[in-house]
Amino acid sequence: MDPLPLTSAPDGIAWPAVPDGSGAAILAILFQLEQTQWWPAERLREAQHRQVAALLDHTWRTVPWYRDRLAKSGYQPGAPFSRDSWSRVPILTRADVVSAGDALLSVMVPASHGGLGEIHTSGSTGRPVRAVRTELWELFWRAFTLRDHLWHRRDLSGKLAVIRESGEGKAPWPDGAVSESWGASSRAVVRTGPCVSLNIRCSTEQQVDWLQRMDPDYLLTHPTVLHGLAAHCLDNGISLPRLKQVETISEILRPGTRSLCEQAWGVPVVDTYSAREAGYLALQCPEHDHYHVQSESVLVEVVGSDGAPVPPGEVGRVVVTPLHNFAMPLIRYEIGDYAAPGDPCSCGRGLPVLRRILGREQNMLCLPGGRRIWPLLSSSDLAGMLRIAPIRQYQFVQKTFETIELRLVTGRPLTDREQTALGNFVRDRFGHPFQVDIVRLDEIPRGATDKYQDFVSEIGGEDAP
């Protein structure tokens, strides 16, 4: 099997392949990425700092909104990167991005960066953010998509099944939609097998039925969709005989989902950490479950409440600076997530490690007194819940400092004994005598961006005592 079946643009040229301009540029980036991943950490930082210096110079000259912020940090136009002045650049919040609006756009994007496109995203914060990106930025996105395929040794000739489309009437059950390739990120460079897709709003039963008929080699979906699919298949003895690997995107991959997928189908889960406005942030290591920051594309900082970097193993706020988007620079942008950095990886790559990605502040449990903790359920926790009652889907919603609403989709109404046991489970797991209100629903809806959260706090940071 050809490990990278390249697309050839000229008529009649099958081998060696001659890609078009876009494909050739992506391959040129990939050629470099294959080398830079093995650079020592210090060499990566030095190269990254050169690109940051170029980005700051462009930002100073063409985005007046930033000038006061950069000047107060001690930045000098055209100067090389300085760690001291960099640490004094104010962190950019989502509120800043929203209020600044068009003032964050460059008044003179280099013509060589191509045309502009825009997206809107609210993540899970409910605060819409508009991001403007260049064609060159999109080129880097595609190169890192292919890096992920190469890292995880996917057979690109196989069939990819995708459950993520959410538009009304798009990719509906029972047939979904079919594409000849895996998408724009691959099309210009490699020949792939087909891609089939299904709307994410279909029921779990419909999704499983569709997957059985499609019989894919790879599945790409959200972690919560995957959890429901694997649990349903495990409960009903349903196999997916050709499936080799599952890719997860968009949401936080919770503990237990990997092992459930292994139990159901005997295949691994590969997770990706990205943001629509900032691009790929980290890819899962080919040899471990933790993540490698994509340093060739983004500067990622994990900082504490004082703005200083946190040591390996400690949790901090994720602050990112995309290196190649000269249309709308995001300098030290607080993306809203929390993560824990890790020690250097034994795989030999010099790319920094994120040990865990924990999600947004609104996914944290706030205890009386104001202390916040991550309410992550382990695989054994989930098994314990399922032993109590026939739970198909769950969501914890913290209403007050003393009240948690447990929303459940169950196979039947719960008995008084089951409700009492679930209340005790919540109090034991979260370490406080909460009042637990159990609400049974036919379905737990997804948020506005089609992301599902298994824990939501309705207590804002300003409400903490």
Protein backbone atom coordinates (compact mmCIF):
# COMPACT_ATOMS: atom_id res chain seq x y z
CA MET A 1 0.00 0.00 0.00
CA ASP A 2 1.24 3.48 -0.92
CA PRO A 3 1.48 5.24 2.50
CA LEU A 4 0.85 8.66 0.94
CA PRO A 5 -0.94 8.33 -2.43
CA LEU A 6 -0.24 11.79 -3.81
CA THR A 7 -2.60 13.67 -6.09
CA SER A 8 -1.16 14.61 -9.49
CA ALA A 9 -2.44 17.71 -11.28
CA PRO A 10 -1.12 17.42 -14.90
CA ASP A 11 -3.13 15.20 -17.24
CA GLY A 12 -1.56 11.83 -17.85
CA ILE A 13 0.97 12.02 -15.00
CA ALA A 14 0.20 9.29 -12.47
CA TRP A 15 3.66 8.72 -10.99
CA PRO A 16 5.75 10.36 -9.67
CA ALA A 17 2.94 12.74 -8.76
CA VAL A 18 3.10 16.45 -9.57
CA PRO A 19 0.72 18.31 -7.22
CA ASP A 20 -0.81 21.67 -8.02
CA GLY A 21 0.45 24.84 -6.33
CA SER A 22 -1.60 24.38 -3.17
CA GLY A 23 -0.63 20.72 -2.84
CA ALA A 24 3.04 21.51 -3.41
CA ALA A 25 2.96 24.20 -0.71
CA ILE A 26 1.35 21.81 1.77
CA LEU A 27 3.95 19.15 0.99
CA ALA A 28 6.71 21.72 1.50
CA ILE A 29 5.33 22.53 4.95
CA LEU A 30 4.97 18.81 5.76
CA PHE A 31 8.57 18.19 4.72
CA GLN A 32 9.67 20.74 7.32
CA LEU A 33 7.29 19.44 9.99
CA GLU A 34 8.73 15.96 9.64
CA GLN A 35 12.08 17.43 10.74
CA THR A 36 11.09 20.09 13.24
CA GLN A 37 9.10 17.68 15.42
CA TRP A 38 12.43 16.09 16.42
CA TRP A 39 14.19 19.34 17.23
CA PRO A 40 15.12 19.87 20.88
CA ALA A 41 12.76 22.13 22.82
CA GLU A 42 15.16 25.09 22.90
CA ARG A 43 15.67 25.07 19.14
CA LEU A 44 11.89 24.99 18.64
CA ARG A 45 11.49 27.96 20.98
CA GLU A 46 14.15 29.96 19.16
CA ALA A 47 12.47 29.39 15.77
CA GLN A 48 9.08 30.17 17.28
CA HIS A 49 10.37 33.42 18.77
CA ARG A 50 11.63 34.54 15.34
CA GLN A 51 8.12 34.09 13.96
CA VAL A 52 6.57 35.86 16.96
CA ALA A 53 8.90 38.81 16.33
CA ALA A 54 7.73 38.98 12.71
CA LEU A 55 4.09 38.79 13.81
CA LEU A 56 4.56 41.55 16.40
CA ASP A 57 6.28 43.82 13.88
CA HIS A 58 3.39 43.35 11.43
CA THR A 59 0.84 43.90 14.21
CA TRP A 60 2.50 47.12 15.40
CA ARG A 61 2.57 48.54 11.88
CA THR A 62 -0.89 47.52 10.68
CA VAL A 63 -3.18 47.03 13.72
CA PRO A 64 -3.23 50.33 15.65
CA TRP A 65 -5.49 48.82 18.37
CA TYR A 66 -2.49 46.88 19.72
CA ARG A 67 0.05 49.71 19.86
CA ASP A 68 -0.69 50.94 23.36
CA ARG A 69 -0.76 47.39 24.74
CA LEU A 70 2.57 46.55 23.13
CA ALA A 71 4.20 49.87 24.09
CA LYS A 72 3.33 49.40 27.76
CA SER A 73 5.05 46.01 27.68
CA GLY A 74 8.31 47.64 26.57
CA TYR A 75 8.06 46.34 23.00
CA GLN A 76 10.19 48.20 20.45
CA PRO A 77 9.08 48.02 16.78
CA GLY A 78 11.29 45.69 14.78
CA ALA A 79 13.07 44.39 17.88
CA PRO A 80 13.85 40.69 18.34
CA PHE A 81 11.68 38.66 20.68
CA SER A 82 12.10 39.48 24.37
CA ARG A 83 10.72 37.12 27.01
CA ASP A 84 10.53 39.95 29.54
CA SER A 85 8.45 42.27 27.38
CA TRP A 86 6.36 39.35 26.11
CA SER A 87 5.33 38.40 29.64
CA ARG A 88 4.09 41.99 30.15
CA VAL A 89 1.83 42.02 27.07
CA PRO A 90 -1.75 42.04 28.46
CA ILE A 91 -3.70 38.85 27.94
CA LEU A 92 -6.40 39.23 25.28
CA THR A 93 -9.83 38.03 26.41
CA ARG A 94 -12.85 37.00 24.39
CA ALA A 95 -14.57 40.14 25.69
CA ASP A 96 -11.68 42.20 24.26
CA VAL A 97 -12.10 40.54 20.87
CA VAL A 98 -15.85 41.16 20.83
CA SER A 99 -15.58 44.82 21.91
CA ALA A 100 -12.67 45.61 19.56
CA GLY A 101 -14.48 44.24 16.50
CA ASP A 102 -12.93 45.41 13.22
CA ALA A 103 -10.21 47.30 15.10
CA LEU A 104 -8.38 43.96 15.45
CA LEU A 105 -8.11 43.60 11.67
CA SER A 106 -4.89 44.46 9.89
CA VAL A 107 -5.18 47.43 7.55
CA MET A 108 -2.53 45.94 5.25
CA VAL A 109 -2.41 42.15 4.99
CA PRO A 110 0.52 41.00 2.83
CA ALA A 111 -0.77 40.14 -0.65
CA SER A 112 1.26 36.91 -0.55
CA HIS A 113 -0.98 35.63 2.26
CA GLY A 114 -3.92 35.33 -0.13
CA GLY A 115 -7.57 36.16 0.26
CA LEU A 116 -9.55 36.46 3.49
CA GLY A 117 -12.30 34.37 5.01
CA GLU A 118 -14.15 34.59 8.30
CA ILE A 119 -15.78 32.29 10.83
CA HIS A 120 -17.82 32.82 13.96
CA THR A 121 -17.45 30.76 17.08
CA SER A 122 -18.72 30.96 20.64
CA GLY A 123 -17.03 27.85 22.01
CA SER A 124 -18.98 26.99 25.14
CA THR A 125 -18.94 30.51 26.56
CA GLY A 126 -21.95 31.82 24.68
CA ARG A 127 -19.93 34.92 23.67
CA PRO A 128 -19.69 34.96 19.85
CA VAL A 129 -16.26 35.69 18.41
CA ARG A 130 -15.60 36.62 14.79
CA ALA A 131 -12.25 35.58 13.37
CA VAL A 132 -10.82 36.62 9.99
CA ARG A 133 -8.20 34.33 8.48
CA THR A 134 -6.00 34.27 5.38
CA GLU A 135 -5.64 31.62 2.71
CA LEU A 136 -2.10 31.07 3.97
CA TRP A 137 -3.48 30.29 7.45
CA GLU A 138 -5.81 27.74 5.84
CA LEU A 139 -2.80 26.19 4.12
CA PHE A 140 -1.13 25.61 7.47
CA TRP A 141 -4.39 24.13 8.85
CA ARG A 142 -4.38 21.56 6.04
CA ALA A 143 -0.73 20.67 6.59
CA PHE A 144 -1.37 19.95 10.28
CA THR A 145 -4.42 17.86 9.37
CA LEU A 146 -2.14 15.71 7.23
CA ARG A 147 0.47 15.59 10.01
CA ASP A 148 -2.22 14.07 12.24
CA HIS A 149 -3.03 11.44 9.59
CA LEU A 150 0.66 10.58 9.22
CA TRP A 151 1.35 10.48 12.96
CA HIS A 152 -1.45 7.98 13.47
CA ARG A 153 -0.72 5.89 10.38
CA ARG A 154 -4.18 6.09 8.84
CA ASP A 155 -4.85 4.21 5.64
CA LEU A 156 -6.04 7.11 3.52
CA SER A 157 -7.61 4.76 0.99
CA GLY A 158 -10.15 3.65 3.60
CA LYS A 159 -13.66 4.93 4.25
CA LEU A 160 -14.08 7.76 6.75
CA ALA A 161 -17.39 8.15 8.58
CA VAL A 162 -18.12 11.55 10.11
CA ILE A 163 -20.89 12.37 12.58
CA ARG A 164 -20.68 16.13 13.11
CA GLU A 165 -22.91 17.90 10.56
CA SER A 166 -25.69 19.77 12.37
CA GLY A 167 -27.40 21.88 9.71
CA GLU A 168 -31.12 21.41 9.30
CA GLY A 169 -31.77 18.79 6.63
CA LYS A 170 -28.07 18.09 6.01
CA ALA A 171 -26.79 14.49 5.93
CA PRO A 172 -30.07 13.11 7.29
CA TRP A 173 -30.72 9.56 8.40
CA PRO A 174 -31.03 6.95 6.92
CA ASP A 175 -28.49 7.56 4.14
CA GLY A 176 -26.52 10.63 5.23
CA ALA A 177 -24.26 12.19 2.61
CA VAL A 178 -21.33 10.91 0.55
CA SER A 179 -18.17 12.68 -0.66
CA GLU A 180 -15.45 11.26 -2.90
CA SER A 181 -12.64 12.40 -0.57
CA TRP A 182 -11.88 13.04 3.10
CA GLY A 183 -12.20 16.78 2.56
CA ALA A 184 -10.41 19.95 1.48
CA SER A 185 -7.48 19.39 3.85
CA SER A 186 -6.52 16.21 2.00
CA ARG A 187 -7.86 16.69 -1.52
CA ALA A 188 -5.05 18.86 -2.90
CA VAL A 189 -2.33 16.48 -1.77
CA VAL A 190 -3.51 12.87 -1.52
CA ARG A 191 -6.01 10.49 -3.05
CA THR A 192 -8.30 9.21 -0.33
CA GLY A 193 -11.20 6.85 -0.03
CA PRO A 194 -14.75 8.13 0.35
CA CYS A 195 -16.16 10.10 3.25
CA VAL A 196 -19.69 9.44 4.48
CA SER A 197 -21.40 11.76 6.93
CA LEU A 198 -24.49 11.82 9.15
CA ASN A 199 -26.20 14.62 11.03
CA ILE A 200 -25.16 14.76 14.67
CA ARG A 201 -28.75 15.36 15.76
CA CYS A 202 -29.83 11.86 14.78
CA SER A 203 -30.55 9.51 17.68
CA THR A 204 -27.89 7.10 18.94
CA GLU A 205 -29.91 4.19 17.55
CA GLN A 206 -30.03 5.84 14.12
CA GLN A 207 -26.29 6.58 14.23
CA VAL A 208 -25.46 2.98 15.09
CA ASP A 209 -27.76 1.68 12.35
CA TRP A 210 -26.06 3.98 9.85
CA LEU A 211 -22.56 2.98 10.98
CA GLN A 212 -23.38 -0.70 10.59
CA ARG A 213 -24.53 -0.10 7.03
CA MET A 214 -21.60 2.16 6.14
CA ASP A 215 -19.01 -0.19 7.74
CA PRO A 216 -16.23 2.46 7.89
CA ASP A 217 -12.50 2.13 8.52
CA TYR A 218 -12.39 5.34 10.57
CA LEU A 219 -14.91 7.34 12.57
CA LEU A 220 -14.68 11.07 13.34
CA THR A 221 -17.10 12.56 15.87
CA HIS A 222 -17.52 14.39 19.17
CA PRO A 223 -16.46 12.56 22.36
CA THR A 224 -19.96 12.55 23.83
CA VAL A 225 -21.40 11.06 20.63
CA LEU A 226 -18.68 8.43 20.71
CA HIS A 227 -19.45 7.55 24.32
CA GLY A 228 -23.11 6.98 23.49
CA LEU A 229 -22.28 4.92 20.40
CA ALA A 230 -19.79 2.70 22.20
CA ALA A 231 -22.11 2.15 25.18
CA HIS A 232 -25.01 1.25 22.89
CA CYS A 233 -22.92 -1.19 20.87
CA LEU A 234 -21.46 -2.76 23.99
CA ASP A 235 -24.90 -3.21 25.56
CA ASN A 236 -26.33 -4.74 22.38
CA GLY A 237 -23.36 -6.79 21.19
CA ILE A 238 -22.94 -4.73 18.01
CA SER A 239 -19.57 -4.80 16.27
CA LEU A 240 -18.05 -2.58 13.57
CA PRO A 241 -15.75 -5.14 11.93
CA ARG A 242 -13.70 -2.82 9.68
CA LEU A 243 -13.22 -0.01 12.18
CA LYS A 244 -9.54 0.70 12.85
CA GLN A 245 -9.54 3.96 14.82
CA VAL A 246 -11.78 6.72 16.15
CA GLU A 247 -10.90 10.43 15.97
CA THR A 248 -12.50 12.87 18.42
CA ILE A 249 -12.80 16.63 18.06
CA SER A 250 -14.52 19.72 19.42
CA GLU A 251 -15.30 18.65 23.01
CA ILE A 252 -13.19 17.54 25.95
CA LEU A 253 -12.48 13.81 25.86
CA ARG A 254 -13.63 12.57 29.26
CA PRO A 255 -12.03 9.76 31.29
CA GLY A 256 -13.60 6.42 30.49
CA THR A 257 -14.45 7.06 26.85
CA ARG A 258 -11.19 5.57 25.58
CA SER A 259 -11.63 2.35 27.56
CA LEU A 260 -15.30 2.08 26.58
CA CYS A 261 -14.34 2.33 22.91
CA GLU A 262 -11.71 -0.37 23.39
CA GLN A 263 -14.28 -2.62 25.07
CA ALA A 264 -16.92 -2.06 22.40
CA TRP A 265 -14.83 -2.32 19.23
CA GLY A 266 -11.22 -3.02 20.21
CA VAL A 267 -9.91 0.17 18.60
CA PRO A 268 -8.03 3.22 19.95
CA VAL A 269 -9.28 6.79 20.25
CA VAL A 270 -7.13 9.66 18.91
CA ASP A 271 -8.09 13.10 20.21
CA THR A 272 -7.40 16.54 18.74
CA TYR A 273 -7.26 19.91 20.52
CA SER A 274 -8.09 22.82 18.24
CA ALA A 275 -10.05 26.07 18.10
CA ARG A 276 -11.71 27.54 15.05
CA GLU A 277 -10.24 30.99 15.66
CA ALA A 278 -6.75 29.74 16.54
CA GLY A 279 -6.25 26.51 14.56
CA TYR A 280 -4.61 23.32 15.75
CA LEU A 281 -3.33 23.74 19.30
CA ALA A 282 -2.21 20.18 20.12
CA LEU A 283 -2.36 16.73 18.58
CA GLN A 284 -2.34 13.46 20.48
CA CYS A 285 1.09 11.84 20.59
CA PRO A 286 1.37 8.79 18.32
CA GLU A 287 2.70 6.74 21.25
CA HIS A 288 0.81 8.10 24.27
CA ASP A 289 -2.57 9.53 25.29
CA HIS A 290 -1.20 13.00 26.06
CA TYR A 291 -0.88 15.85 23.54
CA HIS A 292 1.93 17.63 21.70
CA VAL A 293 1.56 21.40 21.22
CA GLN A 294 1.89 22.29 17.54
CA SER A 295 4.69 24.78 18.11
CA GLU A 296 5.28 25.39 14.41
CA SER A 297 1.80 26.93 14.23
CA VAL A 298 0.96 28.40 17.63
CA LEU A 299 2.61 29.62 20.81
CA VAL A 300 0.73 28.03 23.73
CA GLU A 301 1.16 29.24 27.30
CA VAL A 302 -0.45 27.65 30.37
CA VAL A 303 -0.52 30.28 33.09
CA GLY A 304 -1.70 30.63 36.67
CA SER A 305 -3.78 33.39 38.23
CA ASP A 306 -0.65 35.57 38.40
CA GLY A 307 -0.02 35.19 34.67
CA ALA A 308 3.17 33.16 35.21
CA PRO A 309 3.65 29.73 33.58
CA VAL A 310 2.52 26.83 35.74
CA PRO A 311 4.87 23.87 36.29
CA PRO A 312 4.21 20.42 34.80
CA GLY A 313 1.21 18.74 36.34
CA GLU A 314 -0.47 21.90 37.61
CA VAL A 315 -3.62 23.30 36.01
CA GLY A 316 -3.64 26.74 34.39
CA ARG A 317 -5.41 28.89 31.83
CA VAL A 318 -4.59 28.31 28.17
CA VAL A 319 -3.27 31.40 26.36
CA VAL A 320 -2.51 31.10 22.64
CA THR A 321 -0.87 33.15 19.90
CA PRO A 322 -1.44 31.83 16.35
CA LEU A 323 1.78 32.52 14.46
CA HIS A 324 0.65 32.88 10.86
CA ASN A 325 -2.65 34.77 10.78
CA PHE A 326 -1.66 38.28 9.72
CA ALA A 327 -5.28 39.28 8.95
CA MET A 328 -6.45 39.33 12.56
CA PRO A 329 -3.55 38.78 14.97
CA LEU A 330 -4.54 37.27 18.30
CA ILE A 331 -1.71 38.16 20.67
CA ARG A 332 -1.76 36.21 23.96
CA TYR A 333 -5.40 35.24 23.51
CA GLU A 334 -7.05 33.53 26.50
CA ILE A 335 -9.10 30.90 24.77
CA GLY A 336 -11.15 30.00 27.85
CA ASP A 337 -9.79 26.50 28.45
CA TYR A 338 -7.80 25.03 31.32
CA ALA A 339 -5.03 22.49 30.87
CA ALA A 340 -2.05 20.92 32.63
CA PRO A 341 1.38 20.87 30.94
CA GLY A 342 3.50 17.75 31.12
CA ASP A 343 7.13 16.70 31.18
CA PRO A 344 9.04 16.10 27.92
CA CYS A 345 7.76 13.07 26.04
CA SER A 346 9.62 9.77 25.83
CA CYS A 347 8.72 9.56 22.10
CA GLY A 348 11.63 11.92 21.41
CA ARG A 349 9.66 14.83 19.96
CA GLY A 350 10.69 18.22 21.29
CA LEU A 351 7.17 19.60 20.98
CA PRO A 352 5.78 20.63 24.40
CA VAL A 353 3.36 18.29 26.16
CA LEU A 354 -0.12 18.92 27.50
CA ARG A 355 -0.85 16.17 29.98
CA ARG A 356 -4.54 16.97 30.31
CA ILE A 357 -7.07 19.32 28.71
CA LEU A 358 -9.80 20.08 31.19
CA GLY A 359 -12.25 22.44 29.53
CA ARG A 360 -13.84 25.75 30.41
CA GLU A 361 -14.34 27.47 33.75
CA GLN A 362 -18.08 26.97 33.39
CA ASN A 363 -17.40 23.23 33.50
CA MET A 364 -15.95 23.52 37.02
CA LEU A 365 -17.82 22.70 40.22
CA CYS A 366 -17.88 25.61 42.68
CA LEU A 367 -17.94 24.59 46.33
CA PRO A 368 -19.26 26.85 49.10
CA GLY A 369 -16.42 29.18 49.96
CA GLY A 370 -15.53 29.69 46.29
CA ARG A 371 -13.09 26.81 45.70
CA ARG A 372 -13.48 25.30 42.23
CA ILE A 373 -12.70 21.71 41.24
CA TRP A 374 -12.92 19.67 38.05
CA PRO A 375 -15.87 17.23 38.37
CA LEU A 376 -14.47 14.61 36.00
CA LEU A 377 -15.99 11.15 36.23
CA SER A 378 -13.65 8.20 35.87
CA SER A 379 -14.53 4.98 34.11
CA SER A 380 -15.27 3.36 37.49
CA ASP A 381 -17.47 6.33 38.46
CA LEU A 382 -19.52 5.89 35.29
CA ALA A 383 -19.79 2.17 35.88
CA GLY A 384 -21.05 2.92 39.39
CA MET A 385 -23.77 5.21 38.03
CA LEU A 386 -24.87 2.60 35.52
CA ARG A 387 -25.15 -0.01 38.26
CA ILE A 388 -27.59 2.26 40.09
CA ALA A 389 -30.00 2.96 37.22
CA PRO A 390 -30.47 2.39 33.44
CA ILE A 391 -28.88 5.71 32.43
CA ARG A 392 -28.51 6.46 28.73
CA GLN A 393 -27.34 10.07 29.04
CA TYR A 394 -26.59 12.40 31.91
CA GLN A 395 -25.74 16.02 32.65
CA PHE A 396 -24.91 17.72 35.94
CA VAL A 397 -26.00 21.37 36.24
CA GLN A 398 -24.89 23.33 39.28
CA LYS A 399 -27.74 25.74 39.99
CA THR A 400 -26.47 27.23 43.27
CA PHE A 401 -23.65 26.66 45.74
CA GLU A 402 -25.84 24.06 47.44
CA THR A 403 -27.90 22.61 44.58
CA ILE A 404 -27.07 20.31 41.69
CA GLU A 405 -29.61 19.29 39.08
CA LEU A 406 -28.94 15.83 37.63
CA ARG A 407 -30.55 15.59 34.21
CA LEU A 408 -31.03 12.04 33.00
CA VAL A 409 -32.24 10.14 29.96
CA THR A 410 -33.20 6.69 31.20
CA GLY A 411 -34.78 3.56 29.78
CA ARG A 412 -37.68 3.83 32.21
CA PRO A 413 -38.88 5.96 35.14
CA LEU A 414 -36.59 5.70 38.17
CA THR A 415 -37.65 4.20 41.46
CA ASP A 416 -37.43 6.16 44.71
CA ARG A 417 -34.58 3.90 45.77
CA GLU A 418 -32.63 4.62 42.58
CA GLN A 419 -33.13 8.37 42.95
CA THR A 420 -31.91 8.24 46.53
CA ALA A 421 -28.86 6.21 45.51
CA LEU A 422 -28.03 8.64 42.70
CA GLY A 423 -28.29 11.58 45.10
CA ASN A 424 -25.88 9.86 47.47
CA PHE A 425 -23.54 9.11 44.54
CA VAL A 426 -23.40 12.82 43.60
CA ARG A 427 -22.73 13.91 47.17
CA ASP A 428 -20.02 11.28 47.66
CA ARG A 429 -18.34 11.97 44.30
CA PHE A 430 -18.33 15.77 44.65
CA GLY A 431 -17.48 15.83 48.35
CA HIS A 432 -20.29 18.06 49.63
CA PRO A 433 -23.86 17.48 50.94
CA PHE A 434 -25.53 19.04 47.91
CA GLN A 435 -29.27 19.03 47.39
CA VAL A 436 -29.64 16.85 44.29
CA ASP A 437 -32.69 17.43 42.09
CA ILE A 438 -33.19 14.67 39.52
CA VAL A 439 -34.89 15.65 36.27
CA ARG A 440 -35.78 12.97 33.74
CA LEU A 441 -35.79 14.07 30.07
CA ASP A 442 -36.42 12.43 26.72
CA GLU A 443 -33.24 14.04 25.40
CA ILE A 444 -30.53 16.35 26.74
CA PRO A 445 -30.09 19.01 24.06
CA ARG A 446 -26.75 20.18 22.79
CA GLY A 447 -25.64 23.78 23.09
CA ALA A 448 -25.82 26.45 20.41
CA THR A 449 -22.57 25.19 18.87
CA ASP A 450 -23.69 21.53 19.03
CA LYS A 451 -21.26 20.77 21.81
CA TYR A 452 -22.47 18.65 24.67
CA GLN A 453 -21.24 19.26 28.22
CA ASP A 454 -21.72 16.67 30.92
CA PHE A 455 -21.18 19.28 33.64
CA VAL A 456 -22.30 22.91 33.53
CA SER A 457 -22.07 25.47 36.30
CA GLU A 458 -24.60 28.29 36.20
CA ILE A 459 -22.62 30.11 38.89
CA GLY A 460 -20.54 32.90 37.39
CA GLY A 461 -17.10 33.73 38.76
CA GLU A 462 -18.42 37.07 39.99
CA ASP A 463 -20.97 35.25 42.18
CA ALA A 464 -18.39 33.32 44.17
CA PRO A 465 -18.18 34.36 47.84
